[in-house]
Amino acid sequence: MLAAQTALETKMLLRNGEQLLLTIVIPTLLLVLFSSVDIVDTGAGKSVDFLAPGILALAVMSTAFTGQAIGTGFERRYGVLKRLASSPLPRWGLMTAKTASVLVTEIMQVILLTVIAFALGWSPHGNPAAVLLLLIAGTAAFSGLGLLMAGTLKAEATLAAANLVFLLLLVGGGVIVPMDKFPQGAQDVLGLLPVSALSDGLRDVLQHGAAMPWGDLGILAVWAVVGLAAAGKFFRWE
């Protein structure tokens, strides 16, 4: 049952035009555009070396947070979750299937973006295990926040809020614009955001060859625990 629901959730996610735009098309276009055209000063070195880790973080956020929040919010509105909750599949199984579908989608995103980044001249460094751990922690953090939003707000409010947060974090989360371009006070606040921690952590490993950015991993872990706990407590199925 869990495997069947995971396959169904993945198909639904990939068939949704808006979510496909958020999860695959937008990150790909941003990577190609900003790596090919000198729009933002990314410092010394090739632009793609700075941008690729940030775009990977954006891809995780677009799938685990924005796409999942919107999809789950409308399923809740139309009574899909209520009906599934009364099926033989337990509620924890449904949430597990949704998480698994997010992971499947992210794997495809990472493969696609990595291939494109290599074609653009990307030269990554660092420990792959550290990258994997950061991606998992980031997925957990964004999933918790996405489910919390979908389970507490109306579907229309979730649609608007999720897209607004996506745009704000795209600009202010260190994905494309380096954090040192912001005032020091803003840097201190923005650095605590999950997308900032994920993009900075991936950049430390893949661009600078760091072993493990424990500070960024700790921020993601706190967001994951708080988000998942809040989602589990406040999520409404109807």
C-alpha atoms as a PDB file:
ATOM      1  CA  MET A   1       0.000   0.000   0.000  1.00  0.00           C
ATOM      2  CA  LEU A   2       2.810   2.375   0.874  1.00  0.00           C
ATOM      3  CA  ALA A   3       4.631   1.727  -2.412  1.00  0.00           C
ATOM      4  CA  ALA A   4       1.438   2.159  -4.427  1.00  0.00           C
ATOM      5  CA  GLN A   5       0.579   5.431  -2.676  1.00  0.00           C
ATOM      6  CA  THR A   6       4.135   6.702  -3.162  1.00  0.00           C
ATOM      7  CA  ALA A   7       3.931   5.966  -6.891  1.00  0.00           C
ATOM      8  CA  LEU A   8       0.560   7.721  -7.089  1.00  0.00           C
ATOM      9  CA  GLU A   9       1.801  10.776  -5.189  1.00  0.00           C
ATOM     10  CA  THR A  10       4.853  11.000  -7.463  1.00  0.00           C
ATOM     11  CA  LYS A  11       2.738  10.793 -10.633  1.00  0.00           C
ATOM     12  CA  MET A  12       0.365  13.454  -9.331  1.00  0.00           C
ATOM     13  CA  LEU A  13       3.269  15.711  -8.434  1.00  0.00           C
ATOM     14  CA  LEU A  14       4.870  15.406 -11.866  1.00  0.00           C
ATOM     15  CA  ARG A  15       1.591  15.810 -13.758  1.00  0.00           C
ATOM     16  CA  ASN A  16       0.743  19.096 -12.068  1.00  0.00           C
ATOM     17  CA  GLY A  17       1.836  21.872 -14.411  1.00  0.00           C
ATOM     18  CA  GLU A  18       2.365  24.551 -11.756  1.00  0.00           C
ATOM     19  CA  GLN A  19       4.331  22.259  -9.477  1.00  0.00           C
ATOM     20  CA  LEU A  20       6.404  20.994 -12.412  1.00  0.00           C
ATOM     21  CA  LEU A  21       7.198  24.619 -13.247  1.00  0.00           C
ATOM     22  CA  LEU A  22       8.316  25.272  -9.674  1.00  0.00           C
ATOM     23  CA  THR A  23      10.261  22.073  -9.175  1.00  0.00           C
ATOM     24  CA  ILE A  24      12.071  21.607 -12.471  1.00  0.00           C
ATOM     25  CA  VAL A  25      11.638  24.415 -14.990  1.00  0.00           C
ATOM     26  CA  ILE A  26      12.357  27.468 -12.809  1.00  0.00           C
ATOM     27  CA  PRO A  27      15.522  26.088 -11.107  1.00  0.00           C
ATOM     28  CA  THR A  28      16.854  24.918 -14.463  1.00  0.00           C
ATOM     29  CA  LEU A  29      16.229  28.269 -16.171  1.00  0.00           C
ATOM     30  CA  LEU A  30      17.777  30.204 -13.282  1.00  0.00           C
ATOM     31  CA  LEU A  31      20.886  28.024 -13.320  1.00  0.00           C
ATOM     32  CA  VAL A  32      21.387  28.406 -17.064  1.00  0.00           C
ATOM     33  CA  LEU A  33      20.536  32.126 -17.180  1.00  0.00           C
ATOM     34  CA  PHE A  34      22.627  33.354 -14.256  1.00  0.00           C
ATOM     35  CA  SER A  35      25.553  31.075 -15.145  1.00  0.00           C
ATOM     36  CA  SER A  36      25.605  32.268 -18.753  1.00  0.00           C
ATOM     37  CA  VAL A  37      24.913  35.979 -18.280  1.00  0.00           C
ATOM     38  CA  ASP A  38      26.841  38.169 -15.862  1.00  0.00           C
ATOM     39  CA  ILE A  39      23.832  39.633 -14.031  1.00  0.00           C
ATOM     40  CA  VAL A  40      24.850  39.195 -10.383  1.00  0.00           C
ATOM     41  CA  ASP A  41      28.376  39.555  -9.018  1.00  0.00           C
ATOM     42  CA  THR A  42      29.064  36.164  -7.455  1.00  0.00           C
ATOM     43  CA  GLY A  43      32.647  36.924  -6.504  1.00  0.00           C
ATOM     44  CA  ALA A  44      35.852  35.283  -7.683  1.00  0.00           C
ATOM     45  CA  GLY A  45      35.686  32.138  -9.767  1.00  0.00           C
ATOM     46  CA  LYS A  46      33.080  30.847 -12.177  1.00  0.00           C
ATOM     47  CA  SER A  47      29.484  31.877 -11.581  1.00  0.00           C
ATOM     48  CA  VAL A  48      28.249  28.309 -11.863  1.00  0.00           C
ATOM     49  CA  ASP A  49      30.437  27.238  -8.924  1.00  0.00           C
ATOM     50  CA  PHE A  50      28.554  29.719  -6.729  1.00  0.00           C
ATOM     51  CA  LEU A  51      25.119  29.225  -8.289  1.00  0.00           C
ATOM     52  CA  ALA A  52      24.883  25.433  -8.527  1.00  0.00           C
ATOM     53  CA  PRO A  53      24.716  24.776  -4.737  1.00  0.00           C
ATOM     54  CA  GLY A  54      22.160  27.561  -4.293  1.00  0.00           C
ATOM     55  CA  ILE A  55      19.993  26.220  -7.124  1.00  0.00           C
ATOM     56  CA  LEU A  56      20.115  22.750  -5.561  1.00  0.00           C
ATOM     57  CA  ALA A  57      18.827  24.306  -2.330  1.00  0.00           C
ATOM     58  CA  LEU A  58      16.117  26.106  -4.307  1.00  0.00           C
ATOM     59  CA  ALA A  59      15.089  22.820  -5.913  1.00  0.00           C
ATOM     60  CA  VAL A  60      14.682  21.189  -2.502  1.00  0.00           C
ATOM     61  CA  MET A  61      12.603  24.120  -1.266  1.00  0.00           C
ATOM     62  CA  SER A  62      10.410  24.182  -4.382  1.00  0.00           C
ATOM     63  CA  THR A  63       9.540  20.490  -4.023  1.00  0.00           C
ATOM     64  CA  ALA A  64       9.498  19.847  -0.281  1.00  0.00           C
ATOM     65  CA  PHE A  65       7.914  23.168   0.715  1.00  0.00           C
ATOM     66  CA  THR A  66       6.146  25.045  -2.097  1.00  0.00           C
ATOM     67  CA  GLY A  67       4.934  22.134  -4.216  1.00  0.00           C
ATOM     68  CA  GLN A  68       3.987  19.947  -1.279  1.00  0.00           C
ATOM     69  CA  ALA A  69       2.191  22.758   0.543  1.00  0.00           C
ATOM     70  CA  ILE A  70       0.087  23.696  -2.480  1.00  0.00           C
ATOM     71  CA  GLY A  71      -0.719  20.124  -3.476  1.00  0.00           C
ATOM     72  CA  THR A  72      -1.593  18.999   0.044  1.00  0.00           C
ATOM     73  CA  GLY A  73      -3.603  22.156   0.708  1.00  0.00           C
ATOM     74  CA  PHE A  74      -5.927  21.542  -2.238  1.00  0.00           C
ATOM     75  CA  GLU A  75      -6.200  17.824  -1.422  1.00  0.00           C
ATOM     76  CA  ARG A  76      -7.357  18.859   2.025  1.00  0.00           C
ATOM     77  CA  ARG A  77      -9.866  21.345   0.596  1.00  0.00           C
ATOM     78  CA  TYR A  78     -11.450  18.835  -1.798  1.00  0.00           C
ATOM     79  CA  GLY A  79     -11.723  16.139   0.874  1.00  0.00           C
ATOM     80  CA  VAL A  80      -9.085  13.865  -0.623  1.00  0.00           C
ATOM     81  CA  LEU A  81      -7.138  13.622   2.622  1.00  0.00           C
ATOM     82  CA  LYS A  82     -10.307  12.896   4.594  1.00  0.00           C
ATOM     83  CA  ARG A  83     -11.164   9.993   2.298  1.00  0.00           C
ATOM     84  CA  LEU A  84      -7.626   8.641   2.281  1.00  0.00           C
ATOM     85  CA  ALA A  85      -7.520   8.868   6.075  1.00  0.00           C
ATOM     86  CA  SER A  86     -10.481   6.468   6.238  1.00  0.00           C
ATOM     87  CA  SER A  87      -8.800   3.945   3.897  1.00  0.00           C
ATOM     88  CA  PRO A  88      -6.728   0.936   5.058  1.00  0.00           C
ATOM     89  CA  LEU A  89      -3.626   3.080   4.574  1.00  0.00           C
ATOM     90  CA  PRO A  90      -2.885   4.681   7.963  1.00  0.00           C
ATOM     91  CA  ARG A  91      -2.357   8.402   8.252  1.00  0.00           C
ATOM     92  CA  TRP A  92       1.326   7.974   8.995  1.00  0.00           C
ATOM     93  CA  GLY A  93       1.551   5.876   5.828  1.00  0.00           C
ATOM     94  CA  LEU A  94       0.012   8.678   3.780  1.00  0.00           C
ATOM     95  CA  MET A  95       2.464  11.223   5.164  1.00  0.00           C
ATOM     96  CA  THR A  96       5.335   8.784   4.563  1.00  0.00           C
ATOM     97  CA  ALA A  97       4.213   8.300   0.958  1.00  0.00           C
ATOM     98  CA  LYS A  98       4.122  12.057   0.429  1.00  0.00           C
ATOM     99  CA  THR A  99       7.629  12.380   1.859  1.00  0.00           C
ATOM    100  CA  ALA A 100       8.874   9.514  -0.319  1.00  0.00           C
ATOM    101  CA  SER A 101       7.386  11.131  -3.431  1.00  0.00           C
ATOM    102  CA  VAL A 102       9.198  14.344  -2.550  1.00  0.00           C
ATOM    103  CA  LEU A 103      12.480  12.425  -2.257  1.00  0.00           C
ATOM    104  CA  VAL A 104      11.932  10.711  -5.623  1.00  0.00           C
ATOM    105  CA  THR A 105      11.278  14.075  -7.272  1.00  0.00           C
ATOM    106  CA  GLU A 106      14.327  15.613  -5.614  1.00  0.00           C
ATOM    107  CA  ILE A 107      16.542  12.814  -6.887  1.00  0.00           C
ATOM    108  CA  MET A 108      15.433  13.583 -10.433  1.00  0.00           C
ATOM    109  CA  GLN A 109      15.970  17.303  -9.830  1.00  0.00           C
ATOM    110  CA  VAL A 110      19.479  16.812  -8.445  1.00  0.00           C
ATOM    111  CA  ILE A 111      20.477  14.563 -11.350  1.00  0.00           C
ATOM    112  CA  LEU A 112      19.127  17.000 -13.938  1.00  0.00           C
ATOM    113  CA  LEU A 113      20.652  20.103 -12.333  1.00  0.00           C
ATOM    114  CA  THR A 114      23.996  18.354 -11.787  1.00  0.00           C
ATOM    115  CA  VAL A 115      24.199  17.326 -15.442  1.00  0.00           C
ATOM    116  CA  ILE A 116      23.367  20.875 -16.565  1.00  0.00           C
ATOM    117  CA  ALA A 117      25.847  22.397 -14.105  1.00  0.00           C
ATOM    118  CA  PHE A 118      28.617  20.097 -15.359  1.00  0.00           C
ATOM    119  CA  ALA A 119      27.779  21.133 -18.923  1.00  0.00           C
ATOM    120  CA  LEU A 120      28.183  24.768 -17.816  1.00  0.00           C
ATOM    121  CA  GLY A 121      31.642  24.053 -16.390  1.00  0.00           C
ATOM    122  CA  TRP A 122      30.863  23.312 -12.738  1.00  0.00           C
ATOM    123  CA  SER A 123      33.778  21.972 -10.673  1.00  0.00           C
ATOM    124  CA  PRO A 124      32.370  20.655  -7.342  1.00  0.00           C
ATOM    125  CA  HIS A 125      34.504  19.636  -4.366  1.00  0.00           C
ATOM    126  CA  GLY A 126      33.919  18.198  -0.912  1.00  0.00           C
ATOM    127  CA  ASN A 127      32.422  15.111   0.661  1.00  0.00           C
ATOM    128  CA  PRO A 128      29.310  13.645  -1.050  1.00  0.00           C
ATOM    129  CA  ALA A 129      28.127  12.290   2.320  1.00  0.00           C
ATOM    130  CA  ALA A 130      28.015  15.831   3.722  1.00  0.00           C
ATOM    131  CA  VAL A 131      25.989  16.974   0.699  1.00  0.00           C
ATOM    132  CA  LEU A 132      23.551  14.099   1.158  1.00  0.00           C
ATOM    133  CA  LEU A 133      23.103  14.843   4.856  1.00  0.00           C
ATOM    134  CA  LEU A 134      22.435  18.522   4.142  1.00  0.00           C
ATOM    135  CA  LEU A 135      19.877  17.660   1.463  1.00  0.00           C
ATOM    136  CA  ILE A 136      18.063  15.252   3.787  1.00  0.00           C
ATOM    137  CA  ALA A 137      18.011  17.780   6.626  1.00  0.00           C
ATOM    138  CA  GLY A 138      16.797  20.477   4.240  1.00  0.00           C
ATOM    139  CA  THR A 139      14.048  18.205   2.927  1.00  0.00           C
ATOM    140  CA  ALA A 140      12.869  17.458   6.457  1.00  0.00           C
ATOM    141  CA  ALA A 141      12.860  21.145   7.378  1.00  0.00           C
ATOM    142  CA  PHE A 142      10.938  22.276   4.302  1.00  0.00           C
ATOM    143  CA  SER A 143       8.526  19.327   4.442  1.00  0.00           C
ATOM    144  CA  GLY A 144       7.548  20.167   7.996  1.00  0.00           C
ATOM    145  CA  LEU A 145       6.935  23.800   7.121  1.00  0.00           C
ATOM    146  CA  GLY A 146       5.028  22.887   3.966  1.00  0.00           C
ATOM    147  CA  LEU A 147       2.742  20.430   5.763  1.00  0.00           C
ATOM    148  CA  LEU A 148       2.202  22.924   8.575  1.00  0.00           C
ATOM    149  CA  MET A 149       1.057  25.558   6.095  1.00  0.00           C
ATOM    150  CA  ALA A 150      -1.125  23.123   4.124  1.00  0.00           C
ATOM    151  CA  GLY A 151      -2.735  21.736   7.263  1.00  0.00           C
ATOM    152  CA  THR A 152      -3.642  25.045   8.898  1.00  0.00           C
ATOM    153  CA  LEU A 153      -4.456  27.531   6.112  1.00  0.00           C
ATOM    154  CA  LYS A 154      -7.141  27.474   3.454  1.00  0.00           C
ATOM    155  CA  ALA A 155      -6.048  26.199   0.056  1.00  0.00           C
ATOM    156  CA  GLU A 156      -6.173  29.621  -1.595  1.00  0.00           C
ATOM    157  CA  ALA A 157      -4.188  31.162   1.251  1.00  0.00           C
ATOM    158  CA  THR A 158      -1.670  28.335   1.029  1.00  0.00           C
ATOM    159  CA  LEU A 159      -1.280  28.893  -2.725  1.00  0.00           C
ATOM    160  CA  ALA A 160      -0.604  32.604  -2.263  1.00  0.00           C
ATOM    161  CA  ALA A 161       1.594  32.266   0.825  1.00  0.00           C
ATOM    162  CA  ALA A 162       3.705  29.403  -0.535  1.00  0.00           C
ATOM    163  CA  ASN A 163       4.442  31.217  -3.795  1.00  0.00           C
ATOM    164  CA  LEU A 164       5.193  34.469  -1.958  1.00  0.00           C
ATOM    165  CA  VAL A 165       7.599  32.732   0.422  1.00  0.00           C
ATOM    166  CA  PHE A 166       9.250  31.026  -2.561  1.00  0.00           C
ATOM    167  CA  LEU A 167       9.890  34.358  -4.276  1.00  0.00           C
ATOM    168  CA  LEU A 168      11.097  36.096  -1.113  1.00  0.00           C
ATOM    169  CA  LEU A 169      13.520  33.307  -0.231  1.00  0.00           C
ATOM    170  CA  LEU A 170      14.723  33.116  -3.825  1.00  0.00           C
ATOM    171  CA  VAL A 171      15.861  36.744  -3.538  1.00  0.00           C
ATOM    172  CA  GLY A 172      16.898  36.908   0.120  1.00  0.00           C
ATOM    173  CA  GLY A 173      18.016  33.370   0.868  1.00  0.00           C
ATOM    174  CA  GLY A 174      21.494  33.446  -0.626  1.00  0.00           C
ATOM    175  CA  VAL A 175      20.412  31.318  -3.574  1.00  0.00           C
ATOM    176  CA  ILE A 176      21.422  33.701  -6.360  1.00  0.00           C
ATOM    177  CA  VAL A 177      22.429  36.910  -4.581  1.00  0.00           C
ATOM    178  CA  PRO A 178      25.419  36.448  -2.216  1.00  0.00           C
ATOM    179  CA  MET A 179      24.609  37.136   1.420  1.00  0.00           C
ATOM    180  CA  ASP A 180      27.408  39.693   1.683  1.00  0.00           C
ATOM    181  CA  LYS A 181      25.409  41.973  -0.635  1.00  0.00           C
ATOM    182  CA  PHE A 182      22.947  42.579   2.214  1.00  0.00           C
ATOM    183  CA  PRO A 183      23.513  44.815   5.276  1.00  0.00           C
ATOM    184  CA  GLN A 184      25.142  43.090   8.228  1.00  0.00           C
ATOM    185  CA  GLY A 185      21.966  43.166  10.318  1.00  0.00           C
ATOM    186  CA  ALA A 186      19.985  41.577   7.517  1.00  0.00           C
ATOM    187  CA  GLN A 187      22.674  38.936   7.039  1.00  0.00           C
ATOM    188  CA  ASP A 188      22.380  37.856  10.667  1.00  0.00           C
ATOM    189  CA  VAL A 189      18.628  37.333  10.287  1.00  0.00           C
ATOM    190  CA  LEU A 190      18.616  35.862   6.778  1.00  0.00           C
ATOM    191  CA  GLY A 191      21.366  33.419   7.729  1.00  0.00           C
ATOM    192  CA  LEU A 192      18.942  31.686  10.107  1.00  0.00           C
ATOM    193  CA  LEU A 193      16.480  30.838   7.330  1.00  0.00           C
ATOM    194  CA  PRO A 194      16.436  27.186   6.194  1.00  0.00           C
ATOM    195  CA  VAL A 195      17.132  27.989   2.530  1.00  0.00           C
ATOM    196  CA  SER A 196      20.086  30.182   3.575  1.00  0.00           C
ATOM    197  CA  ALA A 197      21.480  27.435   5.783  1.00  0.00           C
ATOM    198  CA  LEU A 198      21.046  24.837   3.037  1.00  0.00           C
ATOM    199  CA  SER A 199      22.527  26.964   0.246  1.00  0.00           C
ATOM    200  CA  ASP A 200      25.432  28.162   2.420  1.00  0.00           C
ATOM    201  CA  GLY A 201      26.119  24.650   3.662  1.00  0.00           C
ATOM    202  CA  LEU A 202      26.097  23.167   0.168  1.00  0.00           C
ATOM    203  CA  ARG A 203      28.285  26.017  -1.051  1.00  0.00           C
ATOM    204  CA  ASP A 204      30.801  25.462   1.767  1.00  0.00           C
ATOM    205  CA  VAL A 205      31.122  21.807   0.787  1.00  0.00           C
ATOM    206  CA  LEU A 206      30.805  21.904  -3.008  1.00  0.00           C
ATOM    207  CA  GLN A 207      32.591  25.191  -3.706  1.00  0.00           C
ATOM    208  CA  HIS A 208      35.094  25.468  -0.852  1.00  0.00           C
ATOM    209  CA  GLY A 209      35.614  21.790  -0.010  1.00  0.00           C
ATOM    210  CA  ALA A 210      34.558  21.997   3.658  1.00  0.00           C
ATOM    211  CA  ALA A 211      34.161  18.721   5.526  1.00  0.00           C
ATOM    212  CA  MET A 212      30.840  19.385   7.248  1.00  0.00           C
ATOM    213  CA  PRO A 213      29.230  22.794   7.936  1.00  0.00           C
ATOM    214  CA  TRP A 214      27.880  21.899  11.361  1.00  0.00           C
ATOM    215  CA  GLY A 215      26.384  25.325  12.000  1.00  0.00           C
ATOM    216  CA  ASP A 216      24.217  25.212   8.876  1.00  0.00           C
ATOM    217  CA  LEU A 217      23.292  21.593   9.573  1.00  0.00           C
ATOM    218  CA  GLY A 218      22.252  22.566  13.101  1.00  0.00           C
ATOM    219  CA  ILE A 219      19.981  25.336  11.793  1.00  0.00           C
ATOM    220  CA  LEU A 220      18.320  22.895   9.404  1.00  0.00           C
ATOM    221  CA  ALA A 221      17.888  20.344  12.183  1.00  0.00           C
ATOM    222  CA  VAL A 222      16.142  22.903  14.409  1.00  0.00           C
ATOM    223  CA  TRP A 223      13.799  23.914  11.584  1.00  0.00           C
ATOM    224  CA  ALA A 224      13.086  20.238  10.846  1.00  0.00           C
ATOM    225  CA  VAL A 225      12.223  19.384  14.450  1.00  0.00           C
ATOM    226  CA  VAL A 226      10.081  22.478  14.996  1.00  0.00           C
ATOM    227  CA  GLY A 227       8.328  22.253  11.626  1.00  0.00           C
ATOM    228  CA  LEU A 228       7.531  18.545  11.777  1.00  0.00           C
ATOM    229  CA  ALA A 229       6.417  18.741  15.401  1.00  0.00           C
ATOM    230  CA  ALA A 230       4.148  21.711  14.676  1.00  0.00           C
ATOM    231  CA  ALA A 231       2.737  20.009  11.582  1.00  0.00           C
ATOM    232  CA  GLY A 232       2.011  16.861  13.550  1.00  0.00           C
ATOM    233  CA  LYS A 233       0.209  18.844  16.256  1.00  0.00           C
ATOM    234  CA  PHE A 234      -1.772  21.390  14.231  1.00  0.00           C
ATOM    235  CA  PHE A 235      -2.417  19.624  10.909  1.00  0.00           C
ATOM    236  CA  ARG A 236      -6.164  19.437  10.205  1.00  0.00           C
ATOM    237  CA  TRP A 237      -7.362  16.718   7.849  1.00  0.00           C
ATOM    238  CA  GLU A 238     -10.612  18.493   6.989  1.00  0.00           C
END
